Amino acid sequence: MDTRAAPSRPRLLRRLFLVFNAAMGVWFLVSFADAVRQYAGAESDSVRTGTLVGTGLGLGALLVLWAAGALLLGAVMLLRRSR
């Protein structure tokens, strides 16, 4: 018989919160590194400008998603803990 208990909901929510933030951090860093590589390999000023604009828009959207997800998961985690 297995005597190990399944993780309780607060622990599961905490782990989900931490995994989400770690995944978003890795995604942000990988995207930024790829943008730097693309910028360094650009041959003209217009390509560099396009890379900067696209990177700004993409990473900005990613930060908004990260913040929204972290706020939502954090609120759920705090509300579930109060019970």
PDB file of N, CA and C in Angstrom:
ATOM      1  N   MET A   1       0.822  -1.169   0.000  1.00  0.00           N
ATOM      2  CA  MET A   1       0.000   0.000   0.000  1.00  0.00           C
ATOM      3  C   MET A   1       0.878   1.249   0.000  1.00  0.00           C
ATOM      4  N   ASP A   2       0.459   2.252  -0.745  1.00  0.00           N
ATOM      5  CA  ASP A   2       1.213   3.493  -0.832  1.00  0.00           C
ATOM      6  C   ASP A   2       0.772   4.428   0.293  1.00  0.00           C
ATOM      7  N   THR A   3       1.705   4.774   1.167  1.00  0.00           N
ATOM      8  CA  THR A   3       1.372   5.618   2.319  1.00  0.00           C
ATOM      9  C   THR A   3       1.574   7.102   2.041  1.00  0.00           C
ATOM     10  N   ARG A   4       2.125   7.419   0.873  1.00  0.00           N
ATOM     11  CA  ARG A   4       2.334   8.827   0.545  1.00  0.00           C
ATOM     12  C   ARG A   4       1.004   9.477   0.190  1.00  0.00           C
ATOM     13  N   ALA A   5       0.773  10.645   0.732  1.00  0.00           N
ATOM     14  CA  ALA A   5      -0.460  11.377   0.444  1.00  0.00           C
ATOM     15  C   ALA A   5      -0.225  12.304  -0.748  1.00  0.00           C
ATOM     16  N   ALA A   6      -1.274  12.549  -1.477  1.00  0.00           N
ATOM     17  CA  ALA A   6      -1.186  13.495  -2.584  1.00  0.00           C
ATOM     18  C   ALA A   6      -0.959  14.895  -2.006  1.00  0.00           C
ATOM     19  N   PRO A   7      -0.248  15.766  -2.747  1.00  0.00           N
ATOM     20  CA  PRO A   7      -0.014  17.117  -2.227  1.00  0.00           C
ATOM     21  C   PRO A   7      -1.330  17.854  -2.025  1.00  0.00           C
ATOM     22  N   SER A   8      -1.405  18.610  -0.948  1.00  0.00           N
ATOM     23  CA  SER A   8      -2.616  19.374  -0.674  1.00  0.00           C
ATOM     24  C   SER A   8      -2.757  20.506  -1.688  1.00  0.00           C
ATOM     25  N   ARG A   9      -3.947  21.057  -1.780  1.00  0.00           N
ATOM     26  CA  ARG A   9      -4.203  22.103  -2.771  1.00  0.00           C
ATOM     27  C   ARG A   9      -3.302  23.329  -2.599  1.00  0.00           C
ATOM     28  N   PRO A  10      -3.078  23.824  -1.380  1.00  0.00           N
ATOM     29  CA  PRO A  10      -2.180  24.988  -1.267  1.00  0.00           C
ATOM     30  C   PRO A  10      -0.773  24.690  -1.788  1.00  0.00           C
ATOM     31  N   ARG A  11      -0.270  23.486  -1.514  1.00  0.00           N
ATOM     32  CA  ARG A  11       1.064  23.143  -2.032  1.00  0.00           C
ATOM     33  C   ARG A  11       1.042  23.020  -3.543  1.00  0.00           C
ATOM     34  N   LEU A  12      -0.017  22.428  -4.079  1.00  0.00           N
ATOM     35  CA  LEU A  12      -0.134  22.280  -5.524  1.00  0.00           C
ATOM     36  C   LEU A  12      -0.213  23.651  -6.189  1.00  0.00           C
ATOM     37  N   LEU A  13      -1.002  24.554  -5.624  1.00  0.00           N
ATOM     38  CA  LEU A  13      -1.103  25.902  -6.188  1.00  0.00           C
ATOM     39  C   LEU A  13       0.228  26.647  -6.089  1.00  0.00           C
ATOM     40  N   ARG A  14       0.928  26.473  -4.982  1.00  0.00           N
ATOM     41  CA  ARG A  14       2.233  27.119  -4.824  1.00  0.00           C
ATOM     42  C   ARG A  14       3.218  26.596  -5.864  1.00  0.00           C
ATOM     43  N   ARG A  15       3.206  25.283  -6.062  1.00  0.00           N
ATOM     44  CA  ARG A  15       4.106  24.700  -7.079  1.00  0.00           C
ATOM     45  C   ARG A  15       3.746  25.181  -8.474  1.00  0.00           C
ATOM     46  N   LEU A  16       2.448  25.248  -8.766  1.00  0.00           N
ATOM     47  CA  LEU A  16       2.010  25.748 -10.063  1.00  0.00           C
ATOM     48  C   LEU A  16       2.454  27.198 -10.252  1.00  0.00           C
ATOM     49  N   PHE A  17       2.329  28.002  -9.223  1.00  0.00           N
ATOM     50  CA  PHE A  17       2.755  29.401  -9.266  1.00  0.00           C
ATOM     51  C   PHE A  17       4.257  29.501  -9.541  1.00  0.00           C
ATOM     52  N   LEU A  18       5.046  28.695  -8.845  1.00  0.00           N
ATOM     53  CA  LEU A  18       6.501  28.731  -9.030  1.00  0.00           C
ATOM     54  C   LEU A  18       6.910  28.219 -10.403  1.00  0.00           C
ATOM     55  N   VAL A  19       6.272  27.149 -10.866  1.00  0.00           N
ATOM     56  CA  VAL A  19       6.589  26.598 -12.193  1.00  0.00           C
ATOM     57  C   VAL A  19       6.218  27.602 -13.279  1.00  0.00           C
ATOM     58  N   PHE A  20       5.056  28.239 -13.140  1.00  0.00           N
ATOM     59  CA  PHE A  20       4.639  29.254 -14.115  1.00  0.00           C
ATOM     60  C   PHE A  20       5.657  30.383 -14.195  1.00  0.00           C
ATOM     61  N   ASN A  21       6.075  30.905 -13.041  1.00  0.00           N
ATOM     62  CA  ASN A  21       7.034  32.013 -13.038  1.00  0.00           C
ATOM     63  C   ASN A  21       8.395  31.590 -13.579  1.00  0.00           C
ATOM     64  N   ALA A  22       8.830  30.390 -13.245  1.00  0.00           N
ATOM     65  CA  ALA A  22      10.108  29.900 -13.781  1.00  0.00           C
ATOM     66  C   ALA A  22      10.029  29.740 -15.294  1.00  0.00           C
ATOM     67  N   ALA A  23       8.931  29.181 -15.786  1.00  0.00           N
ATOM     68  CA  ALA A  23       8.775  28.983 -17.233  1.00  0.00           C
ATOM     69  C   ALA A  23       8.731  30.319 -17.965  1.00  0.00           C
ATOM     70  N   MET A  24       8.023  31.277 -17.406  1.00  0.00           N
ATOM     71  CA  MET A  24       7.953  32.594 -18.049  1.00  0.00           C
ATOM     72  C   MET A  24       9.315  33.291 -18.026  1.00  0.00           C
ATOM     73  N   GLY A  25      10.064  33.133 -16.939  1.00  0.00           N
ATOM     74  CA  GLY A  25      11.404  33.716 -16.866  1.00  0.00           C
ATOM     75  C   GLY A  25      12.340  33.118 -17.904  1.00  0.00           C
ATOM     76  N   VAL A  26      12.278  31.805 -18.056  1.00  0.00           N
ATOM     77  CA  VAL A  26      13.112  31.136 -19.068  1.00  0.00           C
ATOM     78  C   VAL A  26      12.697  31.593 -20.464  1.00  0.00           C
ATOM     79  N   TRP A  27      11.391  31.661 -20.715  1.00  0.00           N
ATOM     80  CA  TRP A  27      10.894  32.097 -22.015  1.00  0.00           C
ATOM     81  C   TRP A  27      11.371  33.515 -22.316  1.00  0.00           C
ATOM     82  N   PHE A  28      11.323  34.408 -21.334  1.00  0.00           N
ATOM     83  CA  PHE A  28      11.766  35.783 -21.524  1.00  0.00           C
ATOM     84  C   PHE A  28      13.256  35.829 -21.852  1.00  0.00           C
ATOM     85  N   LEU A  29      14.065  35.102 -21.084  1.00  0.00           N
ATOM     86  CA  LEU A  29      15.510  35.134 -21.309  1.00  0.00           C
ATOM     87  C   LEU A  29      15.901  34.537 -22.653  1.00  0.00           C
ATOM     88  N   VAL A  30      15.261  33.440 -23.042  1.00  0.00           N
ATOM     89  CA  VAL A  30      15.557  32.818 -24.339  1.00  0.00           C
ATOM     90  C   VAL A  30      15.153  33.756 -25.472  1.00  0.00           C
ATOM     91  N   SER A  31      14.003  34.396 -25.346  1.00  0.00           N
ATOM     92  CA  SER A  31      13.554  35.336 -26.381  1.00  0.00           C
ATOM     93  C   SER A  31      14.490  36.533 -26.480  1.00  0.00           C
ATOM     94  N   PHE A  32      14.923  37.038 -25.337  1.00  0.00           N
ATOM     95  CA  PHE A  32      15.845  38.171 -25.345  1.00  0.00           C
ATOM     96  C   PHE A  32      17.187  37.784 -25.969  1.00  0.00           C
ATOM     97  N   ALA A  33      17.694  36.616 -25.620  1.00  0.00           N
ATOM     98  CA  ALA A  33      18.967  36.155 -26.185  1.00  0.00           C
ATOM     99  C   ALA A  33      18.860  35.973 -27.695  1.00  0.00           C
ATOM    100  N   ASP A  34      17.724  35.452 -28.165  1.00  0.00           N
ATOM    101  CA  ASP A  34      17.536  35.284 -29.600  1.00  0.00           C
ATOM    102  C   ASP A  34      17.474  36.639 -30.303  1.00  0.00           C
ATOM    103  N   ALA A  35      16.842  37.620 -29.671  1.00  0.00           N
ATOM    104  CA  ALA A  35      16.766  38.958 -30.260  1.00  0.00           C
ATOM    105  C   ALA A  35      18.155  39.603 -30.340  1.00  0.00           C
ATOM    106  N   VAL A  36      18.962  39.404 -29.318  1.00  0.00           N
ATOM    107  CA  VAL A  36      20.325  39.945 -29.332  1.00  0.00           C
ATOM    108  C   VAL A  36      21.135  39.302 -30.448  1.00  0.00           C
ATOM    109  N   ARG A  37      20.980  37.990 -30.610  1.00  0.00           N
ATOM    110  CA  ARG A  37      21.686  37.281 -31.680  1.00  0.00           C
ATOM    111  C   ARG A  37      21.245  37.792 -33.047  1.00  0.00           C
ATOM    112  N   GLN A  38      19.936  38.011 -33.204  1.00  0.00           N
ATOM    113  CA  GLN A  38      19.405  38.515 -34.462  1.00  0.00           C
ATOM    114  C   GLN A  38      19.909  39.935 -34.738  1.00  0.00           C
ATOM    115  N   TYR A  39      19.935  40.760 -33.704  1.00  0.00           N
ATOM    116  CA  TYR A  39      20.394  42.135 -33.851  1.00  0.00           C
ATOM    117  C   TYR A  39      21.873  42.177 -34.233  1.00  0.00           C
ATOM    118  N   ALA A  40      22.670  41.324 -33.612  1.00  0.00           N
ATOM    119  CA  ALA A  40      24.102  41.310 -33.902  1.00  0.00           C
ATOM    120  C   ALA A  40      24.383  40.843 -35.328  1.00  0.00           C
ATOM    121  N   GLY A  41      23.520  39.987 -35.868  1.00  0.00           N
ATOM    122  CA  GLY A  41      23.734  39.480 -37.224  1.00  0.00           C
ATOM    123  C   GLY A  41      23.096  40.321 -38.304  1.00  0.00           C
ATOM    124  N   ALA A  42      22.430  41.396 -37.945  1.00  0.00           N
ATOM    125  CA  ALA A  42      21.759  42.242 -38.930  1.00  0.00           C
ATOM    126  C   ALA A  42      22.786  42.983 -39.771  1.00  0.00           C
ATOM    127  N   GLU A  43      22.489  43.095 -41.072  1.00  0.00           N
ATOM    128  CA  GLU A  43      23.443  43.722 -41.983  1.00  0.00           C
ATOM    129  C   GLU A  43      23.112  45.171 -42.316  1.00  0.00           C
ATOM    130  N   SER A  44      21.888  45.605 -42.033  1.00  0.00           N
ATOM    131  CA  SER A  44      21.543  46.990 -42.356  1.00  0.00           C
ATOM    132  C   SER A  44      20.866  47.658 -41.159  1.00  0.00           C
ATOM    133  N   ASP A  45      20.827  48.979 -41.243  1.00  0.00           N
ATOM    134  CA  ASP A  45      20.200  49.737 -40.156  1.00  0.00           C
ATOM    135  C   ASP A  45      18.701  49.483 -40.083  1.00  0.00           C
ATOM    136  N   SER A  46      18.063  49.269 -41.228  1.00  0.00           N
ATOM    137  CA  SER A  46      16.618  49.032 -41.212  1.00  0.00           C
ATOM    138  C   SER A  46      16.295  47.691 -40.553  1.00  0.00           C
ATOM    139  N   VAL A  47      17.139  46.691 -40.738  1.00  0.00           N
ATOM    140  CA  VAL A  47      16.926  45.393 -40.086  1.00  0.00           C
ATOM    141  C   VAL A  47      17.137  45.530 -38.584  1.00  0.00           C
ATOM    142  N   ARG A  48      18.141  46.283 -38.191  1.00  0.00           N
ATOM    143  CA  ARG A  48      18.383  46.515 -36.759  1.00  0.00           C
ATOM    144  C   ARG A  48      17.198  47.243 -36.121  1.00  0.00           C
ATOM    145  N   THR A  49      16.677  48.259 -36.812  1.00  0.00           N
ATOM    146  CA  THR A  49      15.531  49.005 -36.293  1.00  0.00           C
ATOM    147  C   THR A  49      14.313  48.100 -36.175  1.00  0.00           C
ATOM    148  N   GLY A  50      14.058  47.293 -37.193  1.00  0.00           N
ATOM    149  CA  GLY A  50      12.940  46.357 -37.149  1.00  0.00           C
ATOM    150  C   GLY A  50      13.089  45.337 -36.038  1.00  0.00           C
ATOM    151  N   THR A  51      14.313  44.889 -35.819  1.00  0.00           N
ATOM    152  CA  THR A  51      14.565  43.938 -34.735  1.00  0.00           C
ATOM    153  C   THR A  51      14.284  44.578 -33.382  1.00  0.00           C
ATOM    154  N   LEU A  52      14.712  45.823 -33.199  1.00  0.00           N
ATOM    155  CA  LEU A  52      14.462  46.516 -31.934  1.00  0.00           C
ATOM    156  C   LEU A  52      12.972  46.733 -31.699  1.00  0.00           C
ATOM    157  N   VAL A  53      12.247  47.144 -32.737  1.00  0.00           N
ATOM    158  CA  VAL A  53      10.812  47.394 -32.592  1.00  0.00           C
ATOM    159  C   VAL A  53      10.079  46.082 -32.309  1.00  0.00           C
ATOM    160  N   GLY A  54      10.383  45.057 -33.078  1.00  0.00           N
ATOM    161  CA  GLY A  54       9.730  43.761 -32.882  1.00  0.00           C
ATOM    162  C   GLY A  54      10.038  43.155 -31.522  1.00  0.00           C
ATOM    163  N   THR A  55      11.286  43.300 -31.095  1.00  0.00           N
ATOM    164  CA  THR A  55      11.674  42.782 -29.780  1.00  0.00           C
ATOM    165  C   THR A  55      10.950  43.536 -28.670  1.00  0.00           C
ATOM    166  N   GLY A  56      10.860  44.831 -28.810  1.00  0.00           N
ATOM    167  CA  GLY A  56      10.150  45.626 -27.805  1.00  0.00           C
ATOM    168  C   GLY A  56       8.683  45.238 -27.695  1.00  0.00           C
ATOM    169  N   LEU A  57       8.032  45.056 -28.833  1.00  0.00           N
ATOM    170  CA  LEU A  57       6.625  44.663 -28.827  1.00  0.00           C
ATOM    171  C   LEU A  57       6.440  43.250 -28.272  1.00  0.00           C
ATOM    172  N   GLY A  58       7.272  42.335 -28.734  1.00  0.00           N
ATOM    173  CA  GLY A  58       7.139  40.945 -28.298  1.00  0.00           C
ATOM    174  C   GLY A  58       7.432  40.748 -26.824  1.00  0.00           C
ATOM    175  N   LEU A  59       8.524  41.320 -26.355  1.00  0.00           N
ATOM    176  CA  LEU A  59       8.865  41.172 -24.937  1.00  0.00           C
ATOM    177  C   LEU A  59       7.904  41.957 -24.043  1.00  0.00           C
ATOM    178  N   GLY A  60       7.386  43.060 -24.549  1.00  0.00           N
ATOM    179  CA  GLY A  60       6.381  43.802 -23.795  1.00  0.00           C
ATOM    180  C   GLY A  60       5.106  42.984 -23.620  1.00  0.00           C
ATOM    181  N   ALA A  61       4.660  42.330 -24.694  1.00  0.00           N
ATOM    182  CA  ALA A  61       3.475  41.474 -24.603  1.00  0.00           C
ATOM    183  C   ALA A  61       3.732  40.296 -23.670  1.00  0.00           C
ATOM    184  N   LEU A  62       4.923  39.743 -23.735  1.00  0.00           N
ATOM    185  CA  LEU A  62       5.271  38.623 -22.862  1.00  0.00           C
ATOM    186  C   LEU A  62       5.265  39.053 -21.387  1.00  0.00           C
ATOM    187  N   LEU A  63       5.758  40.241 -21.102  1.00  0.00           N
ATOM    188  CA  LEU A  63       5.741  40.745 -19.723  1.00  0.00           C
ATOM    189  C   LEU A  63       4.316  40.980 -19.228  1.00  0.00           C
ATOM    190  N   VAL A  64       3.433  41.447 -20.116  1.00  0.00           N
ATOM    191  CA  VAL A  64       2.033  41.647 -19.726  1.00  0.00           C
ATOM    192  C   VAL A  64       1.386  40.305 -19.409  1.00  0.00           C
ATOM    193  N   LEU A  65       1.634  39.295 -20.251  1.00  0.00           N
ATOM    194  CA  LEU A  65       1.097  37.951 -19.987  1.00  0.00           C
ATOM    195  C   LEU A  65       1.651  37.388 -18.684  1.00  0.00           C
ATOM    196  N   TRP A  66       2.930  37.596 -18.456  1.00  0.00           N
ATOM    197  CA  TRP A  66       3.572  37.100 -17.240  1.00  0.00           C
ATOM    198  C   TRP A  66       2.935  37.750 -16.005  1.00  0.00           C
ATOM    199  N   ALA A  67       2.777  39.074 -16.054  1.00  0.00           N
ATOM    200  CA  ALA A  67       2.195  39.779 -14.918  1.00  0.00           C
ATOM    201  C   ALA A  67       0.748  39.353 -14.680  1.00  0.00           C
ATOM    202  N   ALA A  68      -0.032  39.217 -15.749  1.00  0.00           N
ATOM    203  CA  ALA A  68      -1.437  38.815 -15.602  1.00  0.00           C
ATOM    204  C   ALA A  68      -1.533  37.408 -15.020  1.00  0.00           C
ATOM    205  N   GLY A  69      -0.725  36.491 -15.522  1.00  0.00           N
ATOM    206  CA  GLY A  69      -0.739  35.124 -15.005  1.00  0.00           C
ATOM    207  C   GLY A  69      -0.280  35.048 -13.560  1.00  0.00           C
ATOM    208  N   ALA A  70       0.752  35.791 -13.228  1.00  0.00           N
ATOM    209  CA  ALA A  70       1.260  35.779 -11.857  1.00  0.00           C
ATOM    210  C   ALA A  70       0.243  36.392 -10.894  1.00  0.00           C
ATOM    211  N   LEU A  71      -0.420  37.462 -11.313  1.00  0.00           N
ATOM    212  CA  LEU A  71      -1.446  38.072 -10.457  1.00  0.00           C
ATOM    213  C   LEU A  71      -2.632  37.129 -10.272  1.00  0.00           C
ATOM    214  N   LEU A  72      -3.062  36.497 -11.341  1.00  0.00           N
ATOM    215  CA  LEU A  72      -4.194  35.577 -11.251  1.00  0.00           C
ATOM    216  C   LEU A  72      -3.857  34.375 -10.374  1.00  0.00           C
ATOM    217  N   LEU A  73      -2.733  33.734 -10.639  1.00  0.00           N
ATOM    218  CA  LEU A  73      -2.349  32.575  -9.835  1.00  0.00           C
ATOM    219  C   LEU A  73      -2.053  32.970  -8.392  1.00  0.00           C
ATOM    220  N   GLY A  74      -1.444  34.123  -8.192  1.00  0.00           N
ATOM    221  CA  GLY A  74      -1.164  34.582  -6.839  1.00  0.00           C
ATOM    222  C   GLY A  74      -2.437  34.869  -6.056  1.00  0.00           C
ATOM    223  N   ALA A  75      -3.418  35.480  -6.721  1.00  0.00           N
ATOM    224  CA  ALA A  75      -4.692  35.755  -6.051  1.00  0.00           C
ATOM    225  C   ALA A  75      -5.418  34.466  -5.689  1.00  0.00           C
ATOM    226  N   VAL A  76      -5.431  33.510  -6.616  1.00  0.00           N
ATOM    227  CA  VAL A  76      -6.068  32.217  -6.333  1.00  0.00           C
ATOM    228  C   VAL A  76      -5.347  31.526  -5.180  1.00  0.00           C
ATOM    229  N   MET A  77      -4.037  31.576  -5.195  1.00  0.00           N
ATOM    230  CA  MET A  77      -3.267  30.932  -4.135  1.00  0.00           C
ATOM    231  C   MET A  77      -3.569  31.573  -2.775  1.00  0.00           C
ATOM    232  N   LEU A  78      -3.627  32.891  -2.716  1.00  0.00           N
ATOM    233  CA  LEU A  78      -3.907  33.571  -1.459  1.00  0.00           C
ATOM    234  C   LEU A  78      -5.351  33.344  -0.993  1.00  0.00           C
ATOM    235  N   LEU A  79      -6.291  33.333  -1.917  1.00  0.00           N
ATOM    236  CA  LEU A  79      -7.675  33.102  -1.545  1.00  0.00           C
ATOM    237  C   LEU A  79      -7.900  31.669  -1.056  1.00  0.00           C
ATOM    238  N   ARG A  80      -7.233  30.723  -1.656  1.00  0.00           N
ATOM    239  CA  ARG A  80      -7.376  29.330  -1.217  1.00  0.00           C
ATOM    240  C   ARG A  80      -6.701  29.103   0.127  1.00  0.00           C
ATOM    241  N   ARG A  81      -5.680  29.849   0.425  1.00  0.00           N
ATOM    242  CA  ARG A  81      -4.951  29.688   1.690  1.00  0.00           C
ATOM    243  C   ARG A  81      -5.772  30.196   2.864  1.00  0.00           C
ATOM    244  N   SER A  82      -6.644  31.171   2.626  1.00  0.00           N
ATOM    245  CA  SER A  82      -7.383  31.775   3.729  1.00  0.00           C
ATOM    246  C   SER A  82      -8.480  30.864   4.278  1.00  0.00           C
ATOM    247  N   ARG A  83      -8.818  29.820   3.567  1.00  0.00           N
ATOM    248  CA  ARG A  83      -9.870  28.909   4.035  1.00  0.00           C
ATOM    249  C   ARG A  83      -9.370  27.990   5.089  1.00  0.00           C
TER     250      ARG A  83
END
